[in-house]
PDB file of N, CA and C in Angstrom:
ATOM      1  N   UNK A   1     269.189  65.281 244.202  1.00  0.00           N
ATOM      2  CA  UNK A   1     267.806  65.683 244.024  1.00  0.00           C
ATOM      3  C   UNK A   1     267.017  65.193 245.240  1.00  0.00           C
ATOM      4  N   UNK A   2     266.212  66.069 245.812  1.00  0.00           N
ATOM      5  CA  UNK A   2     265.374  65.649 246.925  1.00  0.00           C
ATOM      6  C   UNK A   2     263.969  65.313 246.413  1.00  0.00           C
ATOM      7  N   UNK A   3     263.126  64.887 247.332  1.00  0.00           N
ATOM      8  CA  UNK A   3     261.790  64.438 246.946  1.00  0.00           C
ATOM      9  C   UNK A   3     260.959  65.556 246.326  1.00  0.00           C
ATOM     10  N   UNK A   4     261.027  66.758 246.888  1.00  0.00           N
ATOM     11  CA  UNK A   4     260.275  67.887 246.307  1.00  0.00           C
ATOM     12  C   UNK A   4     260.728  68.162 244.877  1.00  0.00           C
ATOM     13  N   UNK A   5     262.031  68.119 244.641  1.00  0.00           N
ATOM     14  CA  UNK A   5     262.551  68.359 243.295  1.00  0.00           C
ATOM     15  C   UNK A   5     262.091  67.260 242.342  1.00  0.00           C
ATOM     16  N   UNK A   6     262.092  66.022 242.816  1.00  0.00           N
ATOM     17  CA  UNK A   6     261.636  64.912 241.976  1.00  0.00           C
ATOM     18  C   UNK A   6     260.159  65.084 241.618  1.00  0.00           C
ATOM     19  N   UNK A   7     259.356  65.451 242.599  1.00  0.00           N
ATOM     20  CA  UNK A   7     257.926  65.642 242.324  1.00  0.00           C
ATOM     21  C   UNK A   7     257.717  66.794 241.351  1.00  0.00           C
ATOM     22  N   UNK A   8     258.491  67.861 241.529  1.00  0.00           N
ATOM     23  CA  UNK A   8     258.390  69.005 240.613  1.00  0.00           C
ATOM     24  C   UNK A   8     258.799  68.600 239.194  1.00  0.00           C
ATOM     25  N   UNK A   9     259.868  67.830 239.065  1.00  0.00           N
ATOM     26  CA  UNK A   9     260.334  67.365 237.756  1.00  0.00           C
ATOM     27  C   UNK A   9     259.247  66.553 237.043  1.00  0.00           C
ATOM     28  N   UNK A  10     258.629  65.627 237.769  1.00  0.00           N
ATOM     29  CA  UNK A  10     257.561  64.811 237.174  1.00  0.00           C
ATOM     30  C   UNK A  10     256.372  65.683 236.802  1.00  0.00           C
ATOM     31  N   UNK A  11     256.047  66.669 237.633  1.00  0.00           N
ATOM     32  CA  UNK A  11     254.948  67.583 237.316  1.00  0.00           C
ATOM     33  C   UNK A  11     255.246  68.344 236.026  1.00  0.00           C
ATOM     34  N   UNK A  12     256.450  68.894 235.929  1.00  0.00           N
ATOM     35  CA  UNK A  12     256.816  69.682 234.744  1.00  0.00           C
ATOM     36  C   UNK A  12     256.791  68.843 233.473  1.00  0.00           C
ATOM     37  N   UNK A  13     257.238  67.604 233.567  1.00  0.00           N
ATOM     38  CA  UNK A  13     257.331  66.759 232.366  1.00  0.00           C
ATOM     39  C   UNK A  13     256.031  66.059 231.998  1.00  0.00           C
ATOM     40  N   UNK A  14     255.226  65.693 233.001  1.00  0.00           N
ATOM     41  CA  UNK A  14     254.116  64.782 232.719  1.00  0.00           C
ATOM     42  C   UNK A  14     252.738  65.241 233.177  1.00  0.00           C
ATOM     43  N   UNK A  15     252.637  66.359 233.915  1.00  0.00           N
ATOM     44  CA  UNK A  15     251.333  66.717 234.495  1.00  0.00           C
ATOM     45  C   UNK A  15     250.246  66.901 233.436  1.00  0.00           C
ATOM     46  N   UNK A  16     250.558  67.581 232.363  1.00  0.00           N
ATOM     47  CA  UNK A  16     249.541  67.822 231.339  1.00  0.00           C
ATOM     48  C   UNK A  16     249.015  66.499 230.780  1.00  0.00           C
ATOM     49  N   UNK A  17     249.925  65.601 230.438  1.00  0.00           N
ATOM     50  CA  UNK A  17     249.526  64.296 229.894  1.00  0.00           C
ATOM     51  C   UNK A  17     248.767  63.481 230.948  1.00  0.00           C
ATOM     52  N   UNK A  18     249.282  63.486 232.197  1.00  0.00           N
ATOM     53  CA  UNK A  18     248.618  62.737 233.263  1.00  0.00           C
ATOM     54  C   UNK A  18     247.224  63.295 233.533  1.00  0.00           C
ATOM     55  N   UNK A  19     247.108  64.608 233.536  1.00  0.00           N
ATOM     56  CA  UNK A  19     245.825  65.247 233.784  1.00  0.00           C
ATOM     57  C   UNK A  19     244.816  64.901 232.691  1.00  0.00           C
ATOM     58  N   UNK A  20     245.271  64.907 231.454  1.00  0.00           N
ATOM     59  CA  UNK A  20     244.407  64.545 230.330  1.00  0.00           C
ATOM     60  C   UNK A  20     243.981  63.078 230.434  1.00  0.00           C
ATOM     61  N   UNK A  21     244.916  62.215 230.822  1.00  0.00           N
ATOM     62  CA  UNK A  21     244.637  60.790 230.960  1.00  0.00           C
ATOM     63  C   UNK A  21     243.657  60.548 232.098  1.00  0.00           C
ATOM     64  N   UNK A  22     243.804  61.323 233.162  1.00  0.00           N
ATOM     65  CA  UNK A  22     242.926  61.191 234.328  1.00  0.00           C
ATOM     66  C   UNK A  22     243.536  60.338 235.429  1.00  0.00           C
ATOM     67  N   UNK A  23     242.989  60.501 236.615  1.00  0.00           N
ATOM     68  CA  UNK A  23     243.512  59.823 237.793  1.00  0.00           C
ATOM     69  C   UNK A  23     243.394  58.303 237.683  1.00  0.00           C
ATOM     70  N   UNK A  24     242.232  57.811 237.295  1.00  0.00           N
ATOM     71  CA  UNK A  24     242.027  56.363 237.250  1.00  0.00           C
ATOM     72  C   UNK A  24     243.004  55.695 236.282  1.00  0.00           C
ATOM     73  N   UNK A  25     243.140  56.237 235.083  1.00  0.00           N
ATOM     74  CA  UNK A  25     244.046  55.635 234.102  1.00  0.00           C
ATOM     75  C   UNK A  25     245.506  55.760 234.546  1.00  0.00           C
ATOM     76  N   UNK A  26     245.847  56.881 235.163  1.00  0.00           N
ATOM     77  CA  UNK A  26     247.209  57.059 235.667  1.00  0.00           C
ATOM     78  C   UNK A  26     247.482  56.052 236.770  1.00  0.00           C
ATOM     79  N   UNK A  27     246.507  55.830 237.646  1.00  0.00           N
ATOM     80  CA  UNK A  27     246.662  54.836 238.698  1.00  0.00           C
ATOM     81  C   UNK A  27     246.821  53.434 238.103  1.00  0.00           C
ATOM     82  N   UNK A  28     246.114  53.158 237.030  1.00  0.00           N
ATOM     83  CA  UNK A  28     246.229  51.861 236.358  1.00  0.00           C
ATOM     84  C   UNK A  28     247.648  51.656 235.836  1.00  0.00           C
ATOM     85  N   UNK A  29     248.244  52.703 235.255  1.00  0.00           N
ATOM     86  CA  UNK A  29     249.637  52.612 234.801  1.00  0.00           C
ATOM     87  C   UNK A  29     250.566  52.331 235.980  1.00  0.00           C
ATOM     88  N   UNK A  30     250.310  52.990 237.110  1.00  0.00           N
ATOM     89  CA  UNK A  30     251.099  52.766 238.322  1.00  0.00           C
ATOM     90  C   UNK A  30     251.043  51.291 238.713  1.00  0.00           C
ATOM     91  N   UNK A  31     249.849  50.723 238.734  1.00  0.00           N
ATOM     92  CA  UNK A  31     249.682  49.313 239.106  1.00  0.00           C
ATOM     93  C   UNK A  31     250.420  48.404 238.127  1.00  0.00           C
ATOM     94  N   UNK A  32     250.379  48.741 236.843  1.00  0.00           N
ATOM     95  CA  UNK A  32     251.116  47.951 235.852  1.00  0.00           C
ATOM     96  C   UNK A  32     252.611  47.965 236.170  1.00  0.00           C
ATOM     97  N   UNK A  33     253.121  49.136 236.534  1.00  0.00           N
ATOM     98  CA  UNK A  33     254.551  49.232 236.878  1.00  0.00           C
ATOM     99  C   UNK A  33     254.880  48.435 238.137  1.00  0.00           C
ATOM    100  N   UNK A  34     253.966  48.415 239.098  1.00  0.00           N
ATOM    101  CA  UNK A  34     254.179  47.598 240.294  1.00  0.00           C
ATOM    102  C   UNK A  34     254.262  46.125 239.898  1.00  0.00           C
ATOM    103  N   UNK A  35     253.431  45.705 238.967  1.00  0.00           N
ATOM    104  CA  UNK A  35     253.491  44.332 238.467  1.00  0.00           C
ATOM    105  C   UNK A  35     254.817  44.035 237.790  1.00  0.00           C
ATOM    106  N   UNK A  36     255.322  44.982 237.013  1.00  0.00           N
ATOM    107  CA  UNK A  36     256.621  44.800 236.367  1.00  0.00           C
ATOM    108  C   UNK A  36     257.739  44.729 237.403  1.00  0.00           C
ATOM    109  N   UNK A  37     257.619  45.507 238.474  1.00  0.00           N
ATOM    110  CA  UNK A  37     258.589  45.434 239.562  1.00  0.00           C
ATOM    111  C   UNK A  37     258.532  44.060 240.225  1.00  0.00           C
ATOM    112  N   UNK A  38     257.342  43.569 240.470  1.00  0.00           N
ATOM    113  CA  UNK A  38     257.185  42.245 241.077  1.00  0.00           C
ATOM    114  C   UNK A  38     257.847  41.182 240.211  1.00  0.00           C
ATOM    115  N   UNK A  39     257.654  41.263 238.915  1.00  0.00           N
ATOM    116  CA  UNK A  39     258.264  40.312 237.990  1.00  0.00           C
ATOM    117  C   UNK A  39     259.789  40.387 238.052  1.00  0.00           C
ATOM    118  N   UNK A  40     260.327  41.591 238.085  1.00  0.00           N
ATOM    119  CA  UNK A  40     261.785  41.764 238.165  1.00  0.00           C
ATOM    120  C   UNK A  40     262.330  41.197 239.474  1.00  0.00           C
ATOM    121  N   UNK A  41     261.588  41.387 240.573  1.00  0.00           N
ATOM    122  CA  UNK A  41     262.016  40.852 241.871  1.00  0.00           C
ATOM    123  C   UNK A  41     262.014  39.327 241.846  1.00  0.00           C
ATOM    124  N   UNK A  42     260.955  38.753 241.293  1.00  0.00           N
ATOM    125  CA  UNK A  42     260.867  37.291 241.202  1.00  0.00           C
ATOM    126  C   UNK A  42     262.033  36.725 240.396  1.00  0.00           C
ATOM    127  N   UNK A  43     262.410  37.432 239.332  1.00  0.00           N
ATOM    128  CA  UNK A  43     263.515  36.984 238.474  1.00  0.00           C
ATOM    129  C   UNK A  43     264.886  37.347 239.042  1.00  0.00           C
ATOM    130  N   UNK A  44     264.911  38.114 240.129  1.00  0.00           N
ATOM    131  CA  UNK A  44     266.150  38.586 240.755  1.00  0.00           C
ATOM    132  C   UNK A  44     267.033  39.258 239.699  1.00  0.00           C
ATOM    133  N   UNK A  45     266.410  40.154 238.941  1.00  0.00           N
ATOM    134  CA  UNK A  45     267.103  40.893 237.875  1.00  0.00           C
ATOM    135  C   UNK A  45     267.377  42.301 238.383  1.00  0.00           C
ATOM    136  N   UNK A  46     268.588  42.507 238.916  1.00  0.00           N
ATOM    137  CA  UNK A  46     268.919  43.767 239.580  1.00  0.00           C
ATOM    138  C   UNK A  46     268.726  44.978 238.677  1.00  0.00           C
ATOM    139  N   UNK A  47     269.169  44.901 237.430  1.00  0.00           N
ATOM    140  CA  UNK A  47     269.015  46.046 236.522  1.00  0.00           C
ATOM    141  C   UNK A  47     267.534  46.367 236.310  1.00  0.00           C
ATOM    142  N   UNK A  48     266.725  45.344 236.116  1.00  0.00           N
ATOM    143  CA  UNK A  48     265.282  45.560 235.930  1.00  0.00           C
ATOM    144  C   UNK A  48     264.633  46.052 237.215  1.00  0.00           C
ATOM    145  N   UNK A  49     265.081  45.548 238.352  1.00  0.00           N
ATOM    146  CA  UNK A  49     264.538  45.998 239.634  1.00  0.00           C
ATOM    147  C   UNK A  49     264.763  47.498 239.784  1.00  0.00           C
ATOM    148  N   UNK A  50     265.977  47.958 239.511  1.00  0.00           N
ATOM    149  CA  UNK A  50     266.276  49.384 239.626  1.00  0.00           C
ATOM    150  C   UNK A  50     265.422  50.213 238.673  1.00  0.00           C
ATOM    151  N   UNK A  51     265.297  49.747 237.445  1.00  0.00           N
ATOM    152  CA  UNK A  51     264.494  50.466 236.455  1.00  0.00           C
ATOM    153  C   UNK A  51     263.031  50.525 236.877  1.00  0.00           C
ATOM    154  N   UNK A  52     262.504  49.401 237.326  1.00  0.00           N
ATOM    155  CA  UNK A  52     261.083  49.360 237.703  1.00  0.00           C
ATOM    156  C   UNK A  52     260.815  50.137 238.988  1.00  0.00           C
ATOM    157  N   UNK A  53     261.764  50.136 239.927  1.00  0.00           N
ATOM    158  CA  UNK A  53     261.603  50.980 241.118  1.00  0.00           C
ATOM    159  C   UNK A  53     261.505  52.445 240.718  1.00  0.00           C
ATOM    160  N   UNK A  54     262.343  52.865 239.774  1.00  0.00           N
ATOM    161  CA  UNK A  54     262.294  54.251 239.296  1.00  0.00           C
ATOM    162  C   UNK A  54     260.946  54.539 238.634  1.00  0.00           C
ATOM    163  N   UNK A  55     260.454  53.596 237.846  1.00  0.00           N
ATOM    164  CA  UNK A  55     259.150  53.785 237.194  1.00  0.00           C
ATOM    165  C   UNK A  55     258.023  53.886 238.224  1.00  0.00           C
ATOM    166  N   UNK A  56     258.020  52.988 239.207  1.00  0.00           N
ATOM    167  CA  UNK A  56     256.987  53.006 240.250  1.00  0.00           C
ATOM    168  C   UNK A  56     257.031  54.341 240.985  1.00  0.00           C
ATOM    169  N   UNK A  57     258.235  54.804 241.311  1.00  0.00           N
ATOM    170  CA  UNK A  57     258.395  56.080 242.006  1.00  0.00           C
ATOM    171  C   UNK A  57     257.848  57.232 241.167  1.00  0.00           C
ATOM    172  N   UNK A  58     258.168  57.254 239.879  1.00  0.00           N
ATOM    173  CA  UNK A  58     257.698  58.323 238.998  1.00  0.00           C
ATOM    174  C   UNK A  58     256.173  58.321 238.888  1.00  0.00           C
ATOM    175  N   UNK A  59     255.582  57.146 238.734  1.00  0.00           N
ATOM    176  CA  UNK A  59     254.122  57.072 238.641  1.00  0.00           C
ATOM    177  C   UNK A  59     253.465  57.448 239.958  1.00  0.00           C
ATOM    178  N   UNK A  60     254.085  57.099 241.091  1.00  0.00           N
ATOM    179  CA  UNK A  60     253.559  57.524 242.383  1.00  0.00           C
ATOM    180  C   UNK A  60     253.566  59.047 242.499  1.00  0.00           C
ATOM    181  N   UNK A  61     254.644  59.659 242.033  1.00  0.00           N
ATOM    182  CA  UNK A  61     254.714  61.118 242.037  1.00  0.00           C
ATOM    183  C   UNK A  61     253.646  61.718 241.127  1.00  0.00           C
ATOM    184  N   UNK A  62     253.385  61.086 240.006  1.00  0.00           N
ATOM    185  CA  UNK A  62     252.328  61.565 239.114  1.00  0.00           C
ATOM    186  C   UNK A  62     250.973  61.538 239.807  1.00  0.00           C
ATOM    187  N   UNK A  63     250.700  60.456 240.524  1.00  0.00           N
ATOM    188  CA  UNK A  63     249.436  60.349 241.253  1.00  0.00           C
ATOM    189  C   UNK A  63     249.352  61.436 242.320  1.00  0.00           C
ATOM    190  N   UNK A  64     250.437  61.628 243.047  1.00  0.00           N
ATOM    191  CA  UNK A  64     250.461  62.680 244.068  1.00  0.00           C
ATOM    192  C   UNK A  64     250.193  64.041 243.436  1.00  0.00           C
ATOM    193  N   UNK A  65     250.790  64.291 242.281  1.00  0.00           N
ATOM    194  CA  UNK A  65     250.552  65.566 241.596  1.00  0.00           C
ATOM    195  C   UNK A  65     249.086  65.723 241.208  1.00  0.00           C
ATOM    196  N   UNK A  66     248.491  64.686 240.671  1.00  0.00           N
ATOM    197  CA  UNK A  66     247.087  64.769 240.266  1.00  0.00           C
ATOM    198  C   UNK A  66     246.175  65.011 241.463  1.00  0.00           C
ATOM    199  N   UNK A  67     246.567  64.494 242.614  1.00  0.00           N
ATOM    200  CA  UNK A  67     245.767  64.666 243.827  1.00  0.00           C
ATOM    201  C   UNK A  67     246.179  65.901 244.621  1.00  0.00           C
ATOM    202  N   UNK A  68     247.153  66.635 244.084  1.00  0.00           N
ATOM    203  CA  UNK A  68     247.659  67.842 244.739  1.00  0.00           C
ATOM    204  C   UNK A  68     248.162  67.551 246.153  1.00  0.00           C
ATOM    205  N   UNK A  69     248.925  66.457 246.274  1.00  0.00           N
ATOM    206  CA  UNK A  69     249.517  66.051 247.542  1.00  0.00           C
ATOM    207  C   UNK A  69     251.015  66.267 247.459  1.00  0.00           C
ATOM    208  N   UNK A  70     251.560  66.996 248.424  1.00  0.00           N
ATOM    209  CA  UNK A  70     253.007  67.155 248.543  1.00  0.00           C
ATOM    210  C   UNK A  70     253.511  65.891 249.223  1.00  0.00           C
ATOM    211  N   UNK A  71     254.093  64.985 248.448  1.00  0.00           N
ATOM    212  CA  UNK A  71     254.464  63.675 248.954  1.00  0.00           C
ATOM    213  C   UNK A  71     255.520  63.770 250.055  1.00  0.00           C
ATOM    214  N   UNK A  72     256.439  64.705 249.929  1.00  0.00           N
ATOM    215  CA  UNK A  72     257.449  64.857 250.972  1.00  0.00           C
ATOM    216  C   UNK A  72     256.790  65.236 252.299  1.00  0.00           C
ATOM    217  N   UNK A  73     255.873  66.179 252.264  1.00  0.00           N
ATOM    218  CA  UNK A  73     255.193  66.603 253.490  1.00  0.00           C
ATOM    219  C   UNK A  73     254.324  65.481 254.051  1.00  0.00           C
ATOM    220  N   UNK A  74     253.643  64.749 253.185  1.00  0.00           N
ATOM    221  CA  UNK A  74     252.821  63.628 253.643  1.00  0.00           C
ATOM    222  C   UNK A  74     253.690  62.562 254.305  1.00  0.00           C
ATOM    223  N   UNK A  75     254.842  62.281 253.704  1.00  0.00           N
ATOM    224  CA  UNK A  75     255.756  61.282 254.246  1.00  0.00           C
ATOM    225  C   UNK A  75     256.299  61.742 255.603  1.00  0.00           C
ATOM    226  N   UNK A  76     256.752  62.990 255.671  1.00  0.00           N
ATOM    227  CA  UNK A  76     257.298  63.508 256.930  1.00  0.00           C
ATOM    228  C   UNK A  76     256.237  63.517 258.023  1.00  0.00           C
ATOM    229  N   UNK A  77     255.024  63.878 257.664  1.00  0.00           N
ATOM    230  CA  UNK A  77     253.947  63.918 258.632  1.00  0.00           C
ATOM    231  C   UNK A  77     253.697  62.544 259.243  1.00  0.00           C
ATOM    232  N   UNK A  78     253.810  61.515 258.425  1.00  0.00           N
ATOM    233  CA  UNK A  78     253.541  60.160 258.909  1.00  0.00           C
ATOM    234  C   UNK A  78     254.752  59.508 259.565  1.00  0.00           C
ATOM    235  N   UNK A  79     255.957  59.733 259.029  1.00  0.00           N
ATOM    236  CA  UNK A  79     257.118  58.944 259.448  1.00  0.00           C
ATOM    237  C   UNK A  79     258.218  59.719 260.173  1.00  0.00           C
ATOM    238  N   UNK A  80     258.174  61.017 260.228  1.00  0.00           N
ATOM    239  CA  UNK A  80     259.247  61.744 260.901  1.00  0.00           C
ATOM    240  C   UNK A  80     258.652  62.709 261.912  1.00  0.00           C
ATOM    241  N   UNK A  81     258.879  62.578 263.149  1.00  0.00           N
ATOM    242  CA  UNK A  81     259.675  61.473 263.719  1.00  0.00           C
ATOM    243  C   UNK A  81     258.894  60.162 263.667  1.00  0.00           C
ATOM    244  N   UNK A  82     259.644  59.067 263.636  1.00  0.00           N
ATOM    245  CA  UNK A  82     259.000  57.756 263.575  1.00  0.00           C
ATOM    246  C   UNK A  82     258.109  57.553 264.793  1.00  0.00           C
ATOM    247  N   UNK A  83     256.931  57.083 264.518  1.00  0.00           N
ATOM    248  CA  UNK A  83     255.985  56.779 265.593  1.00  0.00           C
ATOM    249  C   UNK A  83     256.196  55.332 266.012  1.00  0.00           C
ATOM    250  N   UNK A  84     256.312  55.111 267.268  1.00  0.00           N
ATOM    251  CA  UNK A  84     256.471  53.736 267.772  1.00  0.00           C
ATOM    252  C   UNK A  84     255.099  53.192 268.119  1.00  0.00           C
ATOM    253  N   UNK A  85     254.817  52.050 267.545  1.00  0.00           N
ATOM    254  CA  UNK A  85     253.508  51.425 267.790  1.00  0.00           C
ATOM    255  C   UNK A  85     253.642  50.268 268.731  1.00  0.00           C
TER     256      UNK A  85
END
């Protein structure tokens, strides 16, 4: 699965609910997941780290969908080719 497919999957499964919840509340859920990831990293719990990384990624895709941002294109625009600073 590539990034576009992942974003499409999250849109198909969650866009209606995310849209109803709104951007601010969806962003709040994203931040909560980042906190859970931080906790898993501190505990060095590999299984939890993997799960929380997936959650953070899914919530990030939800935010991108709500903002109508193609995350793959945004990423490529910024990082490919890599800009040397």
